[in-house]
């Protein structure tokens, strides 16, 4: 269960991390094409 939770944690953390990065990139898209 710990391994399963750990795997899900990787997915969840990665999801939120990429979402934050995506917001940053979308904001910089108007400055840099």
ModelCIF file with pLDDT and N, C-alpha, C, O atoms, coordinates in Angstrom:
data_MODEL
#
_entry.id   MODEL 
#
_entity.id                         1 
_entity.type                       polymer 
_entity.pdbx_number_of_molecules   1 
#
_entity_poly.entity_id                      1 
_entity_poly.type                           'polypeptide(L)' 
_entity_poly.nstd_linkage                   no 
_entity_poly.nstd_monomer                   no 
_entity_poly.pdbx_seq_one_letter_code       
;(UNK)(UNK)(UNK)(UNK)(UNK)(UNK)(UNK)(UNK)(UNK)(UNK)(UNK)(UNK)(UNK)(UNK)(UNK)(UNK)
(UNK)(UNK)(UNK)(UNK)(UNK)(UNK)(UNK)(UNK)(UNK)(UNK)(UNK)(UNK)(UNK)(UNK)(UNK)(UNK)
(UNK)
;
_entity_poly.pdbx_seq_one_letter_code_can   XXXXXXXXXXXXXXXXXXXXXXXXXXXXXXXXX 
_entity_poly.pdbx_strand_id                 A 
#
loop_
_entity_poly_seq.entity_id 
_entity_poly_seq.num 
_entity_poly_seq.mon_id 
_entity_poly_seq.hetero 
1 1  UNK n 
1 2  UNK n 
1 3  UNK n 
1 4  UNK n 
1 5  UNK n 
1 6  UNK n 
1 7  UNK n 
1 8  UNK n 
1 9  UNK n 
1 10 UNK n 
1 11 UNK n 
1 12 UNK n 
1 13 UNK n 
1 14 UNK n 
1 15 UNK n 
1 16 UNK n 
1 17 UNK n 
1 18 UNK n 
1 19 UNK n 
1 20 UNK n 
1 21 UNK n 
1 22 UNK n 
1 23 UNK n 
1 24 UNK n 
1 25 UNK n 
1 26 UNK n 
1 27 UNK n 
1 28 UNK n 
1 29 UNK n 
1 30 UNK n 
1 31 UNK n 
1 32 UNK n 
1 33 UNK n 
#
_struct_asym.id          A 
_struct_asym.entity_id   1 
#
loop_
_ma_qa_metric.id 
_ma_qa_metric.mode 
_ma_qa_metric.name 
_ma_qa_metric.software_group_id 
_ma_qa_metric.type 
1 global pLDDT . pLDDT 
2 local  pLDDT . pLDDT 
#
_ma_qa_metric_global.metric_id      1 
_ma_qa_metric_global.metric_value   70.48 
_ma_qa_metric_global.model_id       1 
_ma_qa_metric_global.ordinal_id     1 
#
loop_
_ma_qa_metric_local.label_asym_id 
_ma_qa_metric_local.label_comp_id 
_ma_qa_metric_local.label_seq_id 
_ma_qa_metric_local.metric_id 
_ma_qa_metric_local.metric_value 
_ma_qa_metric_local.model_id 
_ma_qa_metric_local.ordinal_id 
A UNK 1  2 73.00 1 1  
A UNK 2  2 71.00 1 2  
A UNK 3  2 67.00 1 3  
A UNK 4  2 68.00 1 4  
A UNK 5  2 70.00 1 5  
A UNK 6  2 68.00 1 6  
A UNK 7  2 67.00 1 7  
A UNK 8  2 66.00 1 8  
A UNK 9  2 72.00 1 9  
A UNK 10 2 70.00 1 10 
A UNK 11 2 72.00 1 11 
A UNK 12 2 75.00 1 12 
A UNK 13 2 75.00 1 13 
A UNK 14 2 75.00 1 14 
A UNK 15 2 71.00 1 15 
A UNK 16 2 73.00 1 16 
A UNK 17 2 76.00 1 17 
A UNK 18 2 77.00 1 18 
A UNK 19 2 76.00 1 19 
A UNK 20 2 75.00 1 20 
A UNK 21 2 75.00 1 21 
A UNK 22 2 72.00 1 22 
A UNK 23 2 70.00 1 23 
A UNK 24 2 73.00 1 24 
A UNK 25 2 71.00 1 25 
A UNK 26 2 69.00 1 26 
A UNK 27 2 68.00 1 27 
A UNK 28 2 69.00 1 28 
A UNK 29 2 66.00 1 29 
A UNK 30 2 63.00 1 30 
A UNK 31 2 64.00 1 31 
A UNK 32 2 64.00 1 32 
A UNK 33 2 65.00 1 33 
#
loop_
_atom_site.group_PDB 
_atom_site.id 
_atom_site.type_symbol 
_atom_site.label_atom_id 
_atom_site.label_alt_id 
_atom_site.label_comp_id 
_atom_site.label_asym_id 
_atom_site.label_entity_id 
_atom_site.label_seq_id 
_atom_site.pdbx_PDB_ins_code 
_atom_site.Cartn_x 
_atom_site.Cartn_y 
_atom_site.Cartn_z 
_atom_site.occupancy 
_atom_site.B_iso_or_equiv 
_atom_site.pdbx_formal_charge 
_atom_site.auth_seq_id 
_atom_site.auth_comp_id 
_atom_site.auth_asym_id 
_atom_site.auth_atom_id 
_atom_site.pdbx_PDB_model_num 
ATOM 1   N N  . UNK A 1 1  ? 0.829  -1.207 0.000   1.00 73.00 ? 1  UNK A N  1 
ATOM 2   C CA . UNK A 1 1  ? 0.000  0.000  0.000   1.00 73.00 ? 1  UNK A CA 1 
ATOM 3   C C  . UNK A 1 1  ? 0.859  1.250  0.000   1.00 73.00 ? 1  UNK A C  1 
ATOM 4   O O  . UNK A 1 1  ? 0.540  2.253  -0.640  1.00 73.00 ? 1  UNK A O  1 
ATOM 5   N N  . UNK A 1 2  ? 1.955  1.162  0.736   1.00 71.00 ? 2  UNK A N  1 
ATOM 6   C CA . UNK A 1 2  ? 2.858  2.313  0.782   1.00 71.00 ? 2  UNK A CA 1 
ATOM 7   C C  . UNK A 1 2  ? 3.436  2.598  -0.599  1.00 71.00 ? 2  UNK A C  1 
ATOM 8   O O  . UNK A 1 2  ? 3.526  3.752  -1.017  1.00 71.00 ? 2  UNK A O  1 
ATOM 9   N N  . UNK A 1 3  ? 3.832  1.520  -1.314  1.00 67.00 ? 3  UNK A N  1 
ATOM 10  C CA . UNK A 1 3  ? 4.348  1.703  -2.675  1.00 67.00 ? 3  UNK A CA 1 
ATOM 11  C C  . UNK A 1 3  ? 3.275  2.272  -3.591  1.00 67.00 ? 3  UNK A C  1 
ATOM 12  O O  . UNK A 1 3  ? 3.545  3.128  -4.433  1.00 67.00 ? 3  UNK A O  1 
ATOM 13  N N  . UNK A 1 4  ? 2.037  1.774  -3.410  1.00 68.00 ? 4  UNK A N  1 
ATOM 14  C CA . UNK A 1 4  ? 0.943  2.290  -4.228  1.00 68.00 ? 4  UNK A CA 1 
ATOM 15  C C  . UNK A 1 4  ? 0.702  3.771  -3.945  1.00 68.00 ? 4  UNK A C  1 
ATOM 16  O O  . UNK A 1 4  ? 0.532  4.581  -4.856  1.00 68.00 ? 4  UNK A O  1 
ATOM 17  N N  . UNK A 1 5  ? 0.691  4.096  -2.651  1.00 70.00 ? 5  UNK A N  1 
ATOM 18  C CA . UNK A 1 5  ? 0.478  5.502  -2.282  1.00 70.00 ? 5  UNK A CA 1 
ATOM 19  C C  . UNK A 1 5  ? 1.625  6.364  -2.790  1.00 70.00 ? 5  UNK A C  1 
ATOM 20  O O  . UNK A 1 5  ? 1.434  7.499  -3.228  1.00 70.00 ? 5  UNK A O  1 
ATOM 21  N N  . UNK A 1 6  ? 2.823  5.788  -2.716  1.00 68.00 ? 6  UNK A N  1 
ATOM 22  C CA . UNK A 1 6  ? 3.987  6.535  -3.177  1.00 68.00 ? 6  UNK A CA 1 
ATOM 23  C C  . UNK A 1 6  ? 3.868  6.814  -4.682  1.00 68.00 ? 6  UNK A C  1 
ATOM 24  O O  . UNK A 1 6  ? 4.179  7.906  -5.157  1.00 68.00 ? 6  UNK A O  1 
ATOM 25  N N  . UNK A 1 7  ? 3.405  5.783  -5.419  1.00 67.00 ? 7  UNK A N  1 
ATOM 26  C CA . UNK A 1 7  ? 3.226  5.998  -6.857  1.00 67.00 ? 7  UNK A CA 1 
ATOM 27  C C  . UNK A 1 7  ? 2.161  7.036  -7.155  1.00 67.00 ? 7  UNK A C  1 
ATOM 28  O O  . UNK A 1 7  ? 2.331  7.886  -8.029  1.00 67.00 ? 7  UNK A O  1 
ATOM 29  N N  . UNK A 1 8  ? 1.058  6.958  -6.415  1.00 66.00 ? 8  UNK A N  1 
ATOM 30  C CA . UNK A 1 8  ? 0.011  7.959  -6.603  1.00 66.00 ? 8  UNK A CA 1 
ATOM 31  C C  . UNK A 1 8  ? 0.494  9.338  -6.194  1.00 66.00 ? 8  UNK A C  1 
ATOM 32  O O  . UNK A 1 8  ? 0.115  10.348 -6.786  1.00 66.00 ? 8  UNK A O  1 
ATOM 33  N N  . UNK A 1 9  ? 1.341  9.363  -5.163  1.00 72.00 ? 9  UNK A N  1 
ATOM 34  C CA . UNK A 1 9  ? 1.881  10.654 -4.738  1.00 72.00 ? 9  UNK A CA 1 
ATOM 35  C C  . UNK A 1 9  ? 2.723  11.278 -5.837  1.00 72.00 ? 9  UNK A C  1 
ATOM 36  O O  . UNK A 1 9  ? 2.666  12.488 -6.059  1.00 72.00 ? 9  UNK A O  1 
ATOM 37  N N  . UNK A 1 10 ? 3.509  10.450 -6.529  1.00 70.00 ? 10 UNK A N  1 
ATOM 38  C CA . UNK A 1 10 ? 4.324  10.960 -7.641  1.00 70.00 ? 10 UNK A CA 1 
ATOM 39  C C  . UNK A 1 10 ? 3.425  11.575 -8.711  1.00 70.00 ? 10 UNK A C  1 
ATOM 40  O O  . UNK A 1 10 ? 3.700  12.653 -9.238  1.00 70.00 ? 10 UNK A O  1 
ATOM 41  N N  . UNK A 1 11 ? 2.338  10.856 -9.016  1.00 72.00 ? 11 UNK A N  1 
ATOM 42  C CA . UNK A 1 11 ? 1.422  11.357 -10.045 1.00 72.00 ? 11 UNK A CA 1 
ATOM 43  C C  . UNK A 1 11 ? 0.776  12.663 -9.599  1.00 72.00 ? 11 UNK A C  1 
ATOM 44  O O  . UNK A 1 11 ? 0.700  13.629 -10.358 1.00 72.00 ? 11 UNK A O  1 
ATOM 45  N N  . UNK A 1 12 ? 0.303  12.671 -8.324  1.00 75.00 ? 12 UNK A N  1 
ATOM 46  C CA . UNK A 1 12 ? -0.387 13.865 -7.836  1.00 75.00 ? 12 UNK A CA 1 
ATOM 47  C C  . UNK A 1 12 ? 0.529  15.065 -7.767  1.00 75.00 ? 12 UNK A C  1 
ATOM 48  O O  . UNK A 1 12 ? 0.172  16.156 -8.210  1.00 75.00 ? 12 UNK A O  1 
ATOM 49  N N  . UNK A 1 13 ? 1.748  14.858 -7.195  1.00 75.00 ? 13 UNK A N  1 
ATOM 50  C CA . UNK A 1 13 ? 2.685  15.975 -7.079  1.00 75.00 ? 13 UNK A CA 1 
ATOM 51  C C  . UNK A 1 13 ? 3.089  16.468 -8.468  1.00 75.00 ? 13 UNK A C  1 
ATOM 52  O O  . UNK A 1 13 ? 3.179  17.670 -8.721  1.00 75.00 ? 13 UNK A O  1 
ATOM 53  N N  . UNK A 1 14 ? 3.331  15.504 -9.361  1.00 75.00 ? 14 UNK A N  1 
ATOM 54  C CA . UNK A 1 14 ? 3.734  15.891 -10.727 1.00 75.00 ? 14 UNK A CA 1 
ATOM 55  C C  . UNK A 1 14 ? 2.607  16.676 -11.417 1.00 75.00 ? 14 UNK A C  1 
ATOM 56  O O  . UNK A 1 14 ? 2.863  17.637 -12.142 1.00 75.00 ? 14 UNK A O  1 
ATOM 57  N N  . UNK A 1 15 ? 1.383  16.259 -11.183 1.00 71.00 ? 15 UNK A N  1 
ATOM 58  C CA . UNK A 1 15 ? 0.241  16.939 -11.810 1.00 71.00 ? 15 UNK A CA 1 
ATOM 59  C C  . UNK A 1 15 ? 0.175  18.400 -11.372 1.00 71.00 ? 15 UNK A C  1 
ATOM 60  O O  . UNK A 1 15 ? 0.055  19.306 -12.198 1.00 71.00 ? 15 UNK A O  1 
ATOM 61  N N  . UNK A 1 16 ? 0.255  18.611 -10.062 1.00 73.00 ? 16 UNK A N  1 
ATOM 62  C CA . UNK A 1 16 ? 0.152  19.979 -9.573  1.00 73.00 ? 16 UNK A CA 1 
ATOM 63  C C  . UNK A 1 16 ? 1.386  20.788 -9.976  1.00 73.00 ? 16 UNK A C  1 
ATOM 64  O O  . UNK A 1 16 ? 1.290  21.980 -10.266 1.00 73.00 ? 16 UNK A O  1 
ATOM 65  N N  . UNK A 1 17 ? 2.541  20.129 -9.989  1.00 76.00 ? 17 UNK A N  1 
ATOM 66  C CA . UNK A 1 17 ? 3.756  20.854 -10.372 1.00 76.00 ? 17 UNK A CA 1 
ATOM 67  C C  . UNK A 1 17 ? 3.695  21.311 -11.839 1.00 76.00 ? 17 UNK A C  1 
ATOM 68  O O  . UNK A 1 17 ? 4.013  22.459 -12.148 1.00 76.00 ? 17 UNK A O  1 
ATOM 69  N N  . UNK A 1 18 ? 3.287  20.408 -12.733 1.00 77.00 ? 18 UNK A N  1 
ATOM 70  C CA . UNK A 1 18 ? 3.183  20.765 -14.155 1.00 77.00 ? 18 UNK A CA 1 
ATOM 71  C C  . UNK A 1 18 ? 2.088  21.804 -14.373 1.00 77.00 ? 18 UNK A C  1 
ATOM 72  O O  . UNK A 1 18 ? 2.206  22.650 -15.259 1.00 77.00 ? 18 UNK A O  1 
ATOM 73  N N  . UNK A 1 19 ? 1.027  21.750 -13.577 1.00 76.00 ? 19 UNK A N  1 
ATOM 74  C CA . UNK A 1 19 ? -0.043 22.752 -13.696 1.00 76.00 ? 19 UNK A CA 1 
ATOM 75  C C  . UNK A 1 19 ? 0.487  24.130 -13.351 1.00 76.00 ? 19 UNK A C  1 
ATOM 76  O O  . UNK A 1 19 ? 0.190  25.111 -14.033 1.00 76.00 ? 19 UNK A O  1 
ATOM 77  N N  . UNK A 1 20 ? 1.289  24.198 -12.265 1.00 75.00 ? 20 UNK A N  1 
ATOM 78  C CA . UNK A 1 20 ? 1.862  25.478 -11.886 1.00 75.00 ? 20 UNK A CA 1 
ATOM 79  C C  . UNK A 1 20 ? 2.829  25.972 -12.962 1.00 75.00 ? 20 UNK A C  1 
ATOM 80  O O  . UNK A 1 20 ? 2.831  27.148 -13.325 1.00 75.00 ? 20 UNK A O  1 
ATOM 81  N N  . UNK A 1 21 ? 3.643  25.051 -13.458 1.00 75.00 ? 21 UNK A N  1 
ATOM 82  C CA . UNK A 1 21 ? 4.592  25.433 -14.496 1.00 75.00 ? 21 UNK A CA 1 
ATOM 83  C C  . UNK A 1 21 ? 3.843  25.891 -15.751 1.00 75.00 ? 21 UNK A C  1 
ATOM 84  O O  . UNK A 1 21 ? 4.247  26.845 -16.415 1.00 75.00 ? 21 UNK A O  1 
ATOM 85  N N  . UNK A 1 22 ? 2.743  25.193 -16.063 1.00 72.00 ? 22 UNK A N  1 
ATOM 86  C CA . UNK A 1 22 ? 1.938  25.566 -17.246 1.00 72.00 ? 22 UNK A CA 1 
ATOM 87  C C  . UNK A 1 22 ? 1.392  26.963 -17.123 1.00 72.00 ? 22 UNK A C  1 
ATOM 88  O O  . UNK A 1 22 ? 1.392  27.725 -18.089 1.00 72.00 ? 22 UNK A O  1 
ATOM 89  N N  . UNK A 1 23 ? 0.910  27.316 -15.901 1.00 70.00 ? 23 UNK A N  1 
ATOM 90  C CA . UNK A 1 23 ? 0.410  28.679 -15.701 1.00 70.00 ? 23 UNK A CA 1 
ATOM 91  C C  . UNK A 1 23 ? 1.522  29.692 -15.912 1.00 70.00 ? 23 UNK A C  1 
ATOM 92  O O  . UNK A 1 23 ? 1.308  30.753 -16.500 1.00 70.00 ? 23 UNK A O  1 
ATOM 93  N N  . UNK A 1 24 ? 2.716  29.355 -15.425 1.00 73.00 ? 24 UNK A N  1 
ATOM 94  C CA . UNK A 1 24 ? 3.833  30.286 -15.610 1.00 73.00 ? 24 UNK A CA 1 
ATOM 95  C C  . UNK A 1 24 ? 4.166  30.438 -17.096 1.00 73.00 ? 24 UNK A C  1 
ATOM 96  O O  . UNK A 1 24 ? 4.378  31.552 -17.576 1.00 73.00 ? 24 UNK A O  1 
ATOM 97  N N  . UNK A 1 25 ? 4.209  29.338 -17.810 1.00 71.00 ? 25 UNK A N  1 
ATOM 98  C CA . UNK A 1 25 ? 4.536  29.381 -19.230 1.00 71.00 ? 25 UNK A CA 1 
ATOM 99  C C  . UNK A 1 25 ? 3.458  30.111 -20.025 1.00 71.00 ? 25 UNK A C  1 
ATOM 100 O O  . UNK A 1 25 ? 3.770  30.853 -20.955 1.00 71.00 ? 25 UNK A O  1 
ATOM 101 N N  . UNK A 1 26 ? 2.199  29.907 -19.667 1.00 69.00 ? 26 UNK A N  1 
ATOM 102 C CA . UNK A 1 26 ? 1.124  30.595 -20.382 1.00 69.00 ? 26 UNK A CA 1 
ATOM 103 C C  . UNK A 1 26 ? 1.227  32.104 -20.187 1.00 69.00 ? 26 UNK A C  1 
ATOM 104 O O  . UNK A 1 26 ? 0.933  32.898 -21.080 1.00 69.00 ? 26 UNK A O  1 
ATOM 105 N N  . UNK A 1 27 ? 1.670  32.475 -18.945 1.00 68.00 ? 27 UNK A N  1 
ATOM 106 C CA . UNK A 1 27 ? 1.849  33.921 -18.727 1.00 68.00 ? 27 UNK A CA 1 
ATOM 107 C C  . UNK A 1 27 ? 3.005  34.488 -19.524 1.00 68.00 ? 27 UNK A C  1 
ATOM 108 O O  . UNK A 1 27 ? 2.945  35.639 -19.956 1.00 68.00 ? 27 UNK A O  1 
ATOM 109 N N  . UNK A 1 28 ? 4.029  33.731 -19.724 1.00 69.00 ? 28 UNK A N  1 
ATOM 110 C CA . UNK A 1 28 ? 5.194  34.229 -20.471 1.00 69.00 ? 28 UNK A CA 1 
ATOM 111 C C  . UNK A 1 28 ? 5.035  34.052 -21.968 1.00 69.00 ? 28 UNK A C  1 
ATOM 112 O O  . UNK A 1 28 ? 5.883  34.512 -22.733 1.00 69.00 ? 28 UNK A O  1 
ATOM 113 N N  . UNK A 1 29 ? 3.954  33.388 -22.412 1.00 66.00 ? 29 UNK A N  1 
ATOM 114 C CA . UNK A 1 29 ? 3.745  33.146 -23.843 1.00 66.00 ? 29 UNK A CA 1 
ATOM 115 C C  . UNK A 1 29 ? 3.525  34.467 -24.596 1.00 66.00 ? 29 UNK A C  1 
ATOM 116 O O  . UNK A 1 29 ? 3.915  34.577 -25.758 1.00 66.00 ? 29 UNK A O  1 
ATOM 117 N N  . UNK A 1 30 ? 2.897  35.483 -23.944 1.00 63.00 ? 30 UNK A N  1 
ATOM 118 C CA . UNK A 1 30 ? 2.640  36.767 -24.615 1.00 63.00 ? 30 UNK A CA 1 
ATOM 119 C C  . UNK A 1 30 ? 3.914  37.588 -24.760 1.00 63.00 ? 30 UNK A C  1 
ATOM 120 O O  . UNK A 1 30 ? 4.004  38.458 -25.626 1.00 63.00 ? 30 UNK A O  1 
ATOM 121 N N  . UNK A 1 31 ? 4.897  37.309 -23.909 1.00 64.00 ? 31 UNK A N  1 
ATOM 122 C CA . UNK A 1 31 ? 6.160  38.047 -23.969 1.00 64.00 ? 31 UNK A CA 1 
ATOM 123 C C  . UNK A 1 31 ? 7.124  37.395 -24.952 1.00 64.00 ? 31 UNK A C  1 
ATOM 124 O O  . UNK A 1 31 ? 7.789  38.064 -25.743 1.00 64.00 ? 31 UNK A O  1 
ATOM 125 N N  . UNK A 1 32 ? 7.175  36.102 -24.880 1.00 64.00 ? 32 UNK A N  1 
ATOM 126 C CA . UNK A 1 32 ? 8.081  35.361 -25.755 1.00 64.00 ? 32 UNK A CA 1 
ATOM 127 C C  . UNK A 1 32 ? 7.225  34.426 -26.584 1.00 64.00 ? 32 UNK A C  1 
ATOM 128 O O  . UNK A 1 32 ? 6.425  33.656 -26.052 1.00 64.00 ? 32 UNK A O  1 
ATOM 129 N N  . UNK A 1 33 ? 7.396  34.499 -27.851 1.00 65.00 ? 33 UNK A N  1 
ATOM 130 C CA . UNK A 1 33 ? 6.539  33.694 -28.717 1.00 65.00 ? 33 UNK A CA 1 
ATOM 131 C C  . UNK A 1 33 ? 7.027  32.244 -28.737 1.00 65.00 ? 33 UNK A C  1 
ATOM 132 O O  . UNK A 1 33 ? 6.435  31.402 -29.412 1.00 65.00 ? 33 UNK A O  1 
#
